[in-house]
Protein backbone atom coordinates (compact mmCIF):
# COMPACT_ATOMS: atom_id res chain seq x y z
CA MET A 1 127.14 59.86 153.51
CA ARG A 2 125.47 59.74 156.91
CA LEU A 3 125.63 63.14 158.62
CA ALA A 4 124.69 63.56 162.30
CA VAL A 5 123.43 67.04 163.11
CA CYS A 6 123.23 68.00 166.79
CA SER A 7 119.58 68.77 167.36
CA GLN A 8 117.07 69.97 169.93
CA GLY A 9 114.34 67.89 168.30
CA LYS A 10 113.60 64.84 166.20
CA ASP A 11 113.27 66.10 162.64
CA LEU A 12 114.72 68.35 159.94
CA GLU A 13 112.79 71.40 161.20
CA SER A 14 114.24 71.10 164.71
CA PRO A 15 116.63 73.77 165.97
CA VAL A 16 120.32 72.92 165.79
CA ASP A 17 121.90 72.33 169.20
CA SER A 18 125.27 74.10 169.45
CA ARG A 19 126.72 71.41 171.77
CA PHE A 20 128.07 68.10 170.55
CA ALA A 21 128.47 65.73 173.51
CA ARG A 22 125.60 67.16 175.52
CA CYS A 23 123.11 67.89 172.76
CA TRP A 24 119.58 66.46 173.15
CA GLY A 25 120.04 64.14 170.22
CA PHE A 26 121.16 63.73 166.64
CA VAL A 27 119.21 63.87 163.42
CA ILE A 28 121.11 61.51 161.15
CA PHE A 29 120.61 62.41 157.51
CA ASP A 30 121.63 60.07 154.69
CA THR A 31 122.71 62.16 151.69
CA ASP A 32 122.30 59.18 149.34
CA THR A 33 118.68 58.39 150.22
CA ASN A 34 117.55 61.78 151.66
CA GLU A 35 116.13 59.91 154.65
CA SER A 36 116.66 60.85 158.27
CA ILE A 37 116.37 59.15 161.63
CA TYR A 38 116.60 60.49 165.17
CA LEU A 39 119.07 59.19 167.72
CA VAL A 40 118.63 60.16 171.37
CA ASN A 41 121.92 61.22 172.93
CA SER A 42 122.14 59.04 176.02
CA ALA A 43 125.39 60.82 177.00
CA THR A 44 123.59 64.11 177.75
CA SER A 45 123.60 63.63 181.51
CA ALA A 46 126.83 61.63 181.86
CA ALA A 47 129.10 62.88 184.62
CA HIS A 48 132.20 62.04 182.59
CA GLY A 49 132.98 60.73 179.13
CA ALA A 50 129.99 62.28 177.35
CA GLY A 51 132.04 62.97 174.21
CA SER A 52 133.34 59.43 173.89
CA ALA A 53 129.89 57.96 174.57
CA ALA A 54 128.27 60.20 171.94
CA VAL A 55 130.92 59.27 169.39
CA GLN A 56 130.43 55.55 170.11
CA ALA A 57 126.66 55.82 169.56
CA LEU A 58 127.22 57.65 166.27
CA CYS A 59 129.78 55.07 165.11
CA ASP A 60 127.28 52.32 165.90
CA ALA A 61 124.79 54.19 163.68
CA GLY A 62 127.26 54.33 160.78
CA VAL A 63 127.80 58.09 160.86
CA GLU A 64 130.59 59.44 158.65
CA ALA A 65 130.34 63.15 159.54
CA VAL A 66 128.98 65.34 162.33
CA CYS A 67 127.74 68.90 162.37
CA ALA A 68 128.07 70.94 165.58
CA GLU A 69 129.11 74.43 166.56
CA HIS A 70 131.09 73.28 169.61
CA ILE A 71 133.14 70.10 169.92
CA GLY A 72 135.22 69.48 173.03
CA SER A 73 138.80 68.28 173.00
CA ASN A 74 138.06 64.66 174.00
CA ALA A 75 135.30 64.21 171.42
CA TYR A 76 137.41 65.98 168.80
CA ALA A 77 140.33 63.61 169.38
CA VAL A 78 138.14 60.50 169.07
CA LEU A 79 136.28 61.79 165.99
CA ALA A 80 139.56 62.72 164.30
CA ALA A 81 141.12 59.33 165.11
CA LEU A 82 138.11 57.59 163.54
CA GLY A 83 138.26 59.76 160.42
CA ILE A 84 134.83 61.28 161.02
CA THR A 85 134.54 64.69 159.38
CA MET A 86 133.51 67.50 161.73
CA TYR A 87 131.51 70.35 160.19
CA ARG A 88 130.65 73.67 161.82
CA SER A 89 126.95 74.39 162.18
CA GLU A 90 127.43 78.16 162.32
CA GLY A 91 124.53 79.96 160.68
CA ALA A 92 122.25 76.91 160.59
CA LYS A 93 119.03 77.61 162.50
CA CYS A 94 117.48 74.19 161.94
CA VAL A 95 118.75 70.77 160.90
CA ARG A 96 117.49 71.29 157.34
CA ASP A 97 119.67 74.43 157.05
CA ALA A 98 122.74 72.38 157.97
CA VAL A 99 121.87 69.63 155.48
CA LEU A 100 121.28 72.13 152.67
CA ALA A 101 124.55 73.92 153.48
CA LEU A 102 126.39 70.58 153.37
CA LYS A 103 124.86 69.70 150.00
CA ALA A 104 125.83 73.14 148.64
CA GLY A 105 129.40 72.73 149.92
CA ASN A 106 129.00 75.66 152.32
CA LEU A 107 129.90 74.05 155.65
CA ALA A 108 133.35 74.74 157.04
CA THR A 109 135.13 72.00 158.96
CA HIS A 110 136.54 72.13 162.48
CA ASP A 111 140.33 72.15 162.51
CA SER A 112 140.59 72.08 166.30
CA PRO A 113 138.36 71.61 169.36
CA THR A 114 136.25 74.62 170.35
CA THR A 115 136.16 73.83 174.08
CA SER A 116 138.57 72.22 176.49
CA ALA A 117 138.11 68.99 178.41
CA HIS A 118 135.98 69.28 181.54
């Protein structure tokens, strides 16, 4: 599975970014190969549609799940419609923490958006 963790940096030791659509970027971790890549979030400064743009970039990268503390209503709706699992990053200080929690089965999923549309 390819998991995108919202990140403030480019690697597994980077702090987790609590925001989804406006995070700095995504560390995409492949649980089958244990390899990761970094994807810059070009939607960070978008005036409108940041959630949809972020989701599109992740879909293009083959992501099957995301990990973020906060997911807005627009992004949540698109992610849910695409069948992308949304995990909560609560408690994860760095990307590696989120990956290890996922592998241990300790990440809860979002069952609703955490913020409203802007």
